[in-house]
């Protein structure tokens, strides 16, 4: 016998919504092929060099045969979706409605709307083969450290995490190396997998080479059939 609507608590209702979003996302993205996620701020303007680099990286990824997953909103997310979309690739937007991200950007092959951050973030990590991080705020940092945490704990395969924006990321990278790795608070980070690179062509060339040399990684993704 099911619950009457008035007997369902807000927590139960929220849990049901989260599960429904994750199932819908898994079904929608089941056959997208190899995909790369791009993270970065919604507040970056279209005339920013960071916007232009995001667009260029996504364009090159699409031409190399990768689907591009971004947040579906403005700023860096829009640039990533635009680059992939206009290059004829698969441009996926995992859009969550926020005050400064009221609508999804118009450069999407697939739009997945989310009400909850937990289901949205899980979708990124269930369907991505690598992560490219451009400048951003707390949300971008959350996504970056979630990716690294999941890799260090063996919950997702180890794969490239590339930071784009040397001036922006260098201080954080030094802090990680000195205070986290230096005090053995994390496992050693492979400089071939976690590094800063500002040139879009080299970013994409590294990703292409990685998957040419490690084709088995495609079979290890949680959303791929074995």
C-alpha atoms as a PDB file:
ATOM      1  CA  UNK A   1       0.000   0.000   0.000  1.00  0.00           C
ATOM      2  CA  UNK A   2       1.472   3.375  -1.006  1.00  0.00           C
ATOM      3  CA  UNK A   3       1.753   6.502   1.076  1.00  0.00           C
ATOM      4  CA  UNK A   4      -0.935   9.131   0.881  1.00  0.00           C
ATOM      5  CA  UNK A   5       0.507  12.386  -0.411  1.00  0.00           C
ATOM      6  CA  UNK A   6       0.083  14.106   2.941  1.00  0.00           C
ATOM      7  CA  UNK A   7       2.042  11.286   4.632  1.00  0.00           C
ATOM      8  CA  UNK A   8       5.163  11.831   2.503  1.00  0.00           C
ATOM      9  CA  UNK A   9       7.698  13.970   4.324  1.00  0.00           C
ATOM     10  CA  UNK A  10       9.664  16.723   2.554  1.00  0.00           C
ATOM     11  CA  UNK A  11      12.807  14.585   2.880  1.00  0.00           C
ATOM     12  CA  UNK A  12      11.105  11.612   1.240  1.00  0.00           C
ATOM     13  CA  UNK A  13       9.789  13.813  -1.547  1.00  0.00           C
ATOM     14  CA  UNK A  14      13.227  15.312  -2.135  1.00  0.00           C
ATOM     15  CA  UNK A  15      14.868  11.872  -2.145  1.00  0.00           C
ATOM     16  CA  UNK A  16      12.368  10.669  -4.729  1.00  0.00           C
ATOM     17  CA  UNK A  17      13.062  13.720  -6.898  1.00  0.00           C
ATOM     18  CA  UNK A  18      16.825  13.155  -6.704  1.00  0.00           C
ATOM     19  CA  UNK A  19      16.498   9.480  -7.648  1.00  0.00           C
ATOM     20  CA  UNK A  20      14.162  10.360 -10.512  1.00  0.00           C
ATOM     21  CA  UNK A  21      16.609  12.953 -11.871  1.00  0.00           C
ATOM     22  CA  UNK A  22      19.503  10.492 -11.759  1.00  0.00           C
ATOM     23  CA  UNK A  23      17.549   7.717 -13.484  1.00  0.00           C
ATOM     24  CA  UNK A  24      16.321  10.093 -16.188  1.00  0.00           C
ATOM     25  CA  UNK A  25      19.858  11.377 -16.765  1.00  0.00           C
ATOM     26  CA  UNK A  26      21.316   7.869 -16.963  1.00  0.00           C
ATOM     27  CA  UNK A  27      18.718   6.825 -19.526  1.00  0.00           C
ATOM     28  CA  UNK A  28      19.128   9.994 -21.598  1.00  0.00           C
ATOM     29  CA  UNK A  29      22.939   9.872 -21.695  1.00  0.00           C
ATOM     30  CA  UNK A  30      23.381   6.106 -21.989  1.00  0.00           C
ATOM     31  CA  UNK A  31      24.547   6.243 -25.608  1.00  0.00           C
ATOM     32  CA  UNK A  32      26.386   9.548 -25.918  1.00  0.00           C
ATOM     33  CA  UNK A  33      29.783   7.904 -26.355  1.00  0.00           C
ATOM     34  CA  UNK A  34      33.001   9.266 -24.817  1.00  0.00           C
ATOM     35  CA  UNK A  35      32.360  12.632 -23.160  1.00  0.00           C
ATOM     36  CA  UNK A  36      34.448  15.330 -21.480  1.00  0.00           C
ATOM     37  CA  UNK A  37      33.106  17.740 -18.848  1.00  0.00           C
ATOM     38  CA  UNK A  38      34.081  21.405 -18.808  1.00  0.00           C
ATOM     39  CA  UNK A  39      33.642  23.328 -15.556  1.00  0.00           C
ATOM     40  CA  UNK A  40      33.812  27.072 -14.964  1.00  0.00           C
ATOM     41  CA  UNK A  41      32.010  30.176 -13.791  1.00  0.00           C
ATOM     42  CA  UNK A  42      28.609  31.339 -14.991  1.00  0.00           C
ATOM     43  CA  UNK A  43      29.800  34.915 -14.403  1.00  0.00           C
ATOM     44  CA  UNK A  44      32.518  35.008 -17.039  1.00  0.00           C
ATOM     45  CA  UNK A  45      31.593  37.454 -19.830  1.00  0.00           C
ATOM     46  CA  UNK A  46      31.653  36.670 -23.536  1.00  0.00           C
ATOM     47  CA  UNK A  47      34.594  39.010 -24.164  1.00  0.00           C
ATOM     48  CA  UNK A  48      36.794  37.224 -21.622  1.00  0.00           C
ATOM     49  CA  UNK A  49      39.798  35.197 -22.843  1.00  0.00           C
ATOM     50  CA  UNK A  50      38.534  32.403 -20.571  1.00  0.00           C
ATOM     51  CA  UNK A  51      35.240  32.311 -22.498  1.00  0.00           C
ATOM     52  CA  UNK A  52      37.126  32.137 -25.764  1.00  0.00           C
ATOM     53  CA  UNK A  53      39.397  29.340 -24.548  1.00  0.00           C
ATOM     54  CA  UNK A  54      36.442  27.320 -23.285  1.00  0.00           C
ATOM     55  CA  UNK A  55      34.724  27.695 -26.648  1.00  0.00           C
ATOM     56  CA  UNK A  56      37.870  26.688 -28.540  1.00  0.00           C
ATOM     57  CA  UNK A  57      38.565  23.642 -26.354  1.00  0.00           C
ATOM     58  CA  UNK A  58      34.997  22.409 -26.764  1.00  0.00           C
ATOM     59  CA  UNK A  59      35.150  22.968 -30.504  1.00  0.00           C
ATOM     60  CA  UNK A  60      38.322  20.889 -30.776  1.00  0.00           C
ATOM     61  CA  UNK A  61      36.896  18.178 -28.515  1.00  0.00           C
ATOM     62  CA  UNK A  62      33.811  17.896 -30.704  1.00  0.00           C
ATOM     63  CA  UNK A  63      35.939  17.632 -33.833  1.00  0.00           C
ATOM     64  CA  UNK A  64      37.979  14.894 -32.119  1.00  0.00           C
ATOM     65  CA  UNK A  65      34.808  12.879 -31.513  1.00  0.00           C
ATOM     66  CA  UNK A  66      34.071  13.678 -27.872  1.00  0.00           C
ATOM     67  CA  UNK A  67      30.711  14.788 -26.539  1.00  0.00           C
ATOM     68  CA  UNK A  68      30.960  17.884 -24.355  1.00  0.00           C
ATOM     69  CA  UNK A  69      29.139  18.147 -21.031  1.00  0.00           C
ATOM     70  CA  UNK A  70      28.773  21.504 -19.306  1.00  0.00           C
ATOM     71  CA  UNK A  71      26.417  23.137 -16.855  1.00  0.00           C
ATOM     72  CA  UNK A  72      24.024  24.463 -19.472  1.00  0.00           C
ATOM     73  CA  UNK A  73      24.056  28.022 -18.119  1.00  0.00           C
ATOM     74  CA  UNK A  74      25.898  31.215 -19.126  1.00  0.00           C
ATOM     75  CA  UNK A  75      29.589  32.091 -18.913  1.00  0.00           C
ATOM     76  CA  UNK A  76      32.112  29.289 -19.280  1.00  0.00           C
ATOM     77  CA  UNK A  77      29.276  26.780 -19.547  1.00  0.00           C
ATOM     78  CA  UNK A  78      27.752  28.617 -22.501  1.00  0.00           C
ATOM     79  CA  UNK A  79      31.154  28.890 -24.175  1.00  0.00           C
ATOM     80  CA  UNK A  80      31.713  25.139 -23.870  1.00  0.00           C
ATOM     81  CA  UNK A  81      28.266  24.284 -25.187  1.00  0.00           C
ATOM     82  CA  UNK A  82      28.597  26.829 -27.999  1.00  0.00           C
ATOM     83  CA  UNK A  83      31.961  25.468 -29.132  1.00  0.00           C
ATOM     84  CA  UNK A  84      30.701  21.894 -29.309  1.00  0.00           C
ATOM     85  CA  UNK A  85      27.325  22.800 -30.803  1.00  0.00           C
ATOM     86  CA  UNK A  86      28.670  24.989 -33.589  1.00  0.00           C
ATOM     87  CA  UNK A  87      31.316  22.378 -34.440  1.00  0.00           C
ATOM     88  CA  UNK A  88      28.524  19.854 -35.056  1.00  0.00           C
ATOM     89  CA  UNK A  89      29.252  17.808 -31.932  1.00  0.00           C
ATOM     90  CA  UNK A  90      27.062  16.624 -29.075  1.00  0.00           C
ATOM     91  CA  UNK A  91      26.574  19.504 -26.638  1.00  0.00           C
ATOM     92  CA  UNK A  92      25.017  18.504 -23.322  1.00  0.00           C
ATOM     93  CA  UNK A  93      23.800  20.934 -20.686  1.00  0.00           C
ATOM     94  CA  UNK A  94      23.098  19.819 -17.117  1.00  0.00           C
ATOM     95  CA  UNK A  95      21.132  22.897 -16.201  1.00  0.00           C
ATOM     96  CA  UNK A  96      20.064  23.849 -12.697  1.00  0.00           C
ATOM     97  CA  UNK A  97      17.850  26.891 -12.281  1.00  0.00           C
ATOM     98  CA  UNK A  98      19.508  29.563 -10.134  1.00  0.00           C
ATOM     99  CA  UNK A  99      18.961  33.284  -9.696  1.00  0.00           C
ATOM    100  CA  UNK A 100      21.787  34.182 -12.110  1.00  0.00           C
ATOM    101  CA  UNK A 101      21.177  31.159 -14.363  1.00  0.00           C
ATOM    102  CA  UNK A 102      17.438  31.414 -14.935  1.00  0.00           C
ATOM    103  CA  UNK A 103      17.506  29.853 -18.400  1.00  0.00           C
ATOM    104  CA  UNK A 104      19.656  27.305 -20.171  1.00  0.00           C
ATOM    105  CA  UNK A 105      21.890  28.616 -22.935  1.00  0.00           C
ATOM    106  CA  UNK A 106      20.725  28.056 -26.542  1.00  0.00           C
ATOM    107  CA  UNK A 107      23.652  25.865 -27.648  1.00  0.00           C
ATOM    108  CA  UNK A 108      22.443  22.448 -26.515  1.00  0.00           C
ATOM    109  CA  UNK A 109      21.905  19.166 -28.326  1.00  0.00           C
ATOM    110  CA  UNK A 110      20.621  17.687 -25.068  1.00  0.00           C
ATOM    111  CA  UNK A 111      19.300  19.625 -22.094  1.00  0.00           C
ATOM    112  CA  UNK A 112      18.804  17.945 -18.743  1.00  0.00           C
ATOM    113  CA  UNK A 113      17.123  20.155 -16.133  1.00  0.00           C
ATOM    114  CA  UNK A 114      17.879  19.558 -12.458  1.00  0.00           C
ATOM    115  CA  UNK A 115      16.343  20.760  -9.210  1.00  0.00           C
ATOM    116  CA  UNK A 116      19.070  19.256  -7.013  1.00  0.00           C
ATOM    117  CA  UNK A 117      22.834  19.723  -7.065  1.00  0.00           C
ATOM    118  CA  UNK A 118      23.548  16.187  -5.834  1.00  0.00           C
ATOM    119  CA  UNK A 119      21.892  14.486  -8.804  1.00  0.00           C
ATOM    120  CA  UNK A 120      23.369  16.992 -11.248  1.00  0.00           C
ATOM    121  CA  UNK A 121      26.891  16.542  -9.920  1.00  0.00           C
ATOM    122  CA  UNK A 122      26.575  12.756  -9.890  1.00  0.00           C
ATOM    123  CA  UNK A 123      25.575  12.889 -13.546  1.00  0.00           C
ATOM    124  CA  UNK A 124      28.789  14.712 -14.462  1.00  0.00           C
ATOM    125  CA  UNK A 125      30.913  12.021 -12.840  1.00  0.00           C
ATOM    126  CA  UNK A 126      28.930   9.064 -14.134  1.00  0.00           C
ATOM    127  CA  UNK A 127      29.256  10.142 -17.761  1.00  0.00           C
ATOM    128  CA  UNK A 128      32.625  11.899 -18.138  1.00  0.00           C
ATOM    129  CA  UNK A 129      35.995  10.545 -19.195  1.00  0.00           C
ATOM    130  CA  UNK A 130      37.976  13.617 -18.148  1.00  0.00           C
ATOM    131  CA  UNK A 131      37.541  17.099 -16.710  1.00  0.00           C
ATOM    132  CA  UNK A 132      38.686  20.489 -17.955  1.00  0.00           C
ATOM    133  CA  UNK A 133      38.420  23.234 -15.333  1.00  0.00           C
ATOM    134  CA  UNK A 134      38.443  26.904 -16.231  1.00  0.00           C
ATOM    135  CA  UNK A 135      38.255  29.743 -13.697  1.00  0.00           C
ATOM    136  CA  UNK A 136      35.243  29.692 -11.428  1.00  0.00           C
ATOM    137  CA  UNK A 137      33.972  30.116  -7.893  1.00  0.00           C
ATOM    138  CA  UNK A 138      32.758  27.757  -5.190  1.00  0.00           C
ATOM    139  CA  UNK A 139      30.747  25.624  -7.620  1.00  0.00           C
ATOM    140  CA  UNK A 140      33.735  25.062  -9.888  1.00  0.00           C
ATOM    141  CA  UNK A 141      35.996  24.277  -6.928  1.00  0.00           C
ATOM    142  CA  UNK A 142      33.381  21.846  -5.615  1.00  0.00           C
ATOM    143  CA  UNK A 143      33.306  20.015  -8.954  1.00  0.00           C
ATOM    144  CA  UNK A 144      37.104  19.974  -9.228  1.00  0.00           C
ATOM    145  CA  UNK A 145      37.673  18.548  -5.751  1.00  0.00           C
ATOM    146  CA  UNK A 146      34.802  16.085  -6.113  1.00  0.00           C
ATOM    147  CA  UNK A 147      36.462  14.674  -9.243  1.00  0.00           C
ATOM    148  CA  UNK A 148      39.814  14.348  -7.475  1.00  0.00           C
ATOM    149  CA  UNK A 149      38.209  12.811  -4.374  1.00  0.00           C
ATOM    150  CA  UNK A 150      36.299  10.208  -6.382  1.00  0.00           C
ATOM    151  CA  UNK A 151      39.486   9.237  -8.213  1.00  0.00           C
ATOM    152  CA  UNK A 152      41.579   9.013  -5.046  1.00  0.00           C
ATOM    153  CA  UNK A 153      38.956   6.821  -3.388  1.00  0.00           C
ATOM    154  CA  UNK A 154      38.559   4.580  -6.430  1.00  0.00           C
ATOM    155  CA  UNK A 155      34.923   5.465  -7.073  1.00  0.00           C
ATOM    156  CA  UNK A 156      35.628   6.541 -10.654  1.00  0.00           C
ATOM    157  CA  UNK A 157      38.592   5.663 -12.894  1.00  0.00           C
ATOM    158  CA  UNK A 158      41.663   7.874 -12.724  1.00  0.00           C
ATOM    159  CA  UNK A 159      41.652  10.178 -15.733  1.00  0.00           C
ATOM    160  CA  UNK A 160      42.942  13.608 -16.751  1.00  0.00           C
ATOM    161  CA  UNK A 161      41.950  16.712 -14.810  1.00  0.00           C
ATOM    162  CA  UNK A 162      43.299  19.743 -16.659  1.00  0.00           C
ATOM    163  CA  UNK A 163      43.237  23.261 -15.221  1.00  0.00           C
ATOM    164  CA  UNK A 164      43.073  26.033 -17.811  1.00  0.00           C
ATOM    165  CA  UNK A 165      44.238  29.469 -16.645  1.00  0.00           C
ATOM    166  CA  UNK A 166      47.769  29.540 -15.258  1.00  0.00           C
ATOM    167  CA  UNK A 167      47.389  32.865 -13.459  1.00  0.00           C
ATOM    168  CA  UNK A 168      44.172  31.706 -11.826  1.00  0.00           C
ATOM    169  CA  UNK A 169      45.159  28.161 -10.802  1.00  0.00           C
ATOM    170  CA  UNK A 170      48.885  28.357 -10.013  1.00  0.00           C
ATOM    171  CA  UNK A 171      48.436  29.440  -6.388  1.00  0.00           C
ATOM    172  CA  UNK A 172      45.961  26.649  -5.687  1.00  0.00           C
ATOM    173  CA  UNK A 173      48.216  24.086  -7.332  1.00  0.00           C
ATOM    174  CA  UNK A 174      51.173  25.201  -5.185  1.00  0.00           C
ATOM    175  CA  UNK A 175      49.004  24.986  -2.053  1.00  0.00           C
ATOM    176  CA  UNK A 176      47.878  21.453  -2.946  1.00  0.00           C
ATOM    177  CA  UNK A 177      51.455  20.327  -3.569  1.00  0.00           C
ATOM    178  CA  UNK A 178      52.882  22.001  -0.463  1.00  0.00           C
ATOM    179  CA  UNK A 179      50.185  21.514   2.149  1.00  0.00           C
ATOM    180  CA  UNK A 180      48.214  18.466   1.009  1.00  0.00           C
ATOM    181  CA  UNK A 181      50.723  16.298  -0.840  1.00  0.00           C
ATOM    182  CA  UNK A 182      53.633  17.680   1.219  1.00  0.00           C
ATOM    183  CA  UNK A 183      51.992  16.578   4.471  1.00  0.00           C
ATOM    184  CA  UNK A 184      50.808  13.230   3.048  1.00  0.00           C
ATOM    185  CA  UNK A 185      47.165  14.259   3.458  1.00  0.00           C
ATOM    186  CA  UNK A 186      46.366  12.981  -0.027  1.00  0.00           C
ATOM    187  CA  UNK A 187      47.748  10.305  -2.311  1.00  0.00           C
ATOM    188  CA  UNK A 188      50.468  11.452  -4.680  1.00  0.00           C
ATOM    189  CA  UNK A 189      49.042  13.222  -7.717  1.00  0.00           C
ATOM    190  CA  UNK A 190      50.267  12.172 -11.146  1.00  0.00           C
ATOM    191  CA  UNK A 191      51.547  15.302 -12.933  1.00  0.00           C
ATOM    192  CA  UNK A 192      50.606  13.642 -16.220  1.00  0.00           C
ATOM    193  CA  UNK A 193      46.964  13.506 -15.150  1.00  0.00           C
ATOM    194  CA  UNK A 194      46.553  16.672 -13.036  1.00  0.00           C
ATOM    195  CA  UNK A 195      48.211  19.771 -14.414  1.00  0.00           C
ATOM    196  CA  UNK A 196      47.788  23.291 -15.774  1.00  0.00           C
ATOM    197  CA  UNK A 197      47.689  23.871 -19.527  1.00  0.00           C
ATOM    198  CA  UNK A 198      46.556  27.070 -21.241  1.00  0.00           C
ATOM    199  CA  UNK A 199      46.836  26.074 -24.888  1.00  0.00           C
ATOM    200  CA  UNK A 200      43.539  24.603 -26.217  1.00  0.00           C
ATOM    201  CA  UNK A 201      45.276  22.479 -28.846  1.00  0.00           C
ATOM    202  CA  UNK A 202      47.564  20.902 -26.250  1.00  0.00           C
ATOM    203  CA  UNK A 203      44.647  20.285 -23.879  1.00  0.00           C
ATOM    204  CA  UNK A 204      42.754  18.346 -26.521  1.00  0.00           C
ATOM    205  CA  UNK A 205      45.854  16.587 -27.858  1.00  0.00           C
ATOM    206  CA  UNK A 206      46.581  15.319 -24.343  1.00  0.00           C
ATOM    207  CA  UNK A 207      43.047  13.941 -23.983  1.00  0.00           C
ATOM    208  CA  UNK A 208      43.115  12.277 -27.394  1.00  0.00           C
ATOM    209  CA  UNK A 209      46.501  10.691 -26.651  1.00  0.00           C
ATOM    210  CA  UNK A 210      45.387   9.515 -23.205  1.00  0.00           C
ATOM    211  CA  UNK A 211      42.419   7.601 -24.605  1.00  0.00           C
ATOM    212  CA  UNK A 212      44.362   6.237 -27.534  1.00  0.00           C
ATOM    213  CA  UNK A 213      46.866   4.813 -25.042  1.00  0.00           C
ATOM    214  CA  UNK A 214      44.220   3.713 -22.519  1.00  0.00           C
ATOM    215  CA  UNK A 215      41.239   2.388 -24.488  1.00  0.00           C
ATOM    216  CA  UNK A 216      40.244   0.192 -21.547  1.00  0.00           C
ATOM    217  CA  UNK A 217      39.151   3.286 -19.623  1.00  0.00           C
ATOM    218  CA  UNK A 218      35.988   3.352 -21.736  1.00  0.00           C
ATOM    219  CA  UNK A 219      34.945   0.017 -20.253  1.00  0.00           C
ATOM    220  CA  UNK A 220      35.493   1.185 -16.675  1.00  0.00           C
ATOM    221  CA  UNK A 221      33.001   4.036 -16.728  1.00  0.00           C
ATOM    222  CA  UNK A 222      30.076   3.323 -14.373  1.00  0.00           C
ATOM    223  CA  UNK A 223      27.490   4.102 -17.056  1.00  0.00           C
ATOM    224  CA  UNK A 224      29.006   1.789 -19.681  1.00  0.00           C
ATOM    225  CA  UNK A 225      27.888  -1.822 -20.096  1.00  0.00           C
ATOM    226  CA  UNK A 226      30.676  -4.307 -19.376  1.00  0.00           C
END
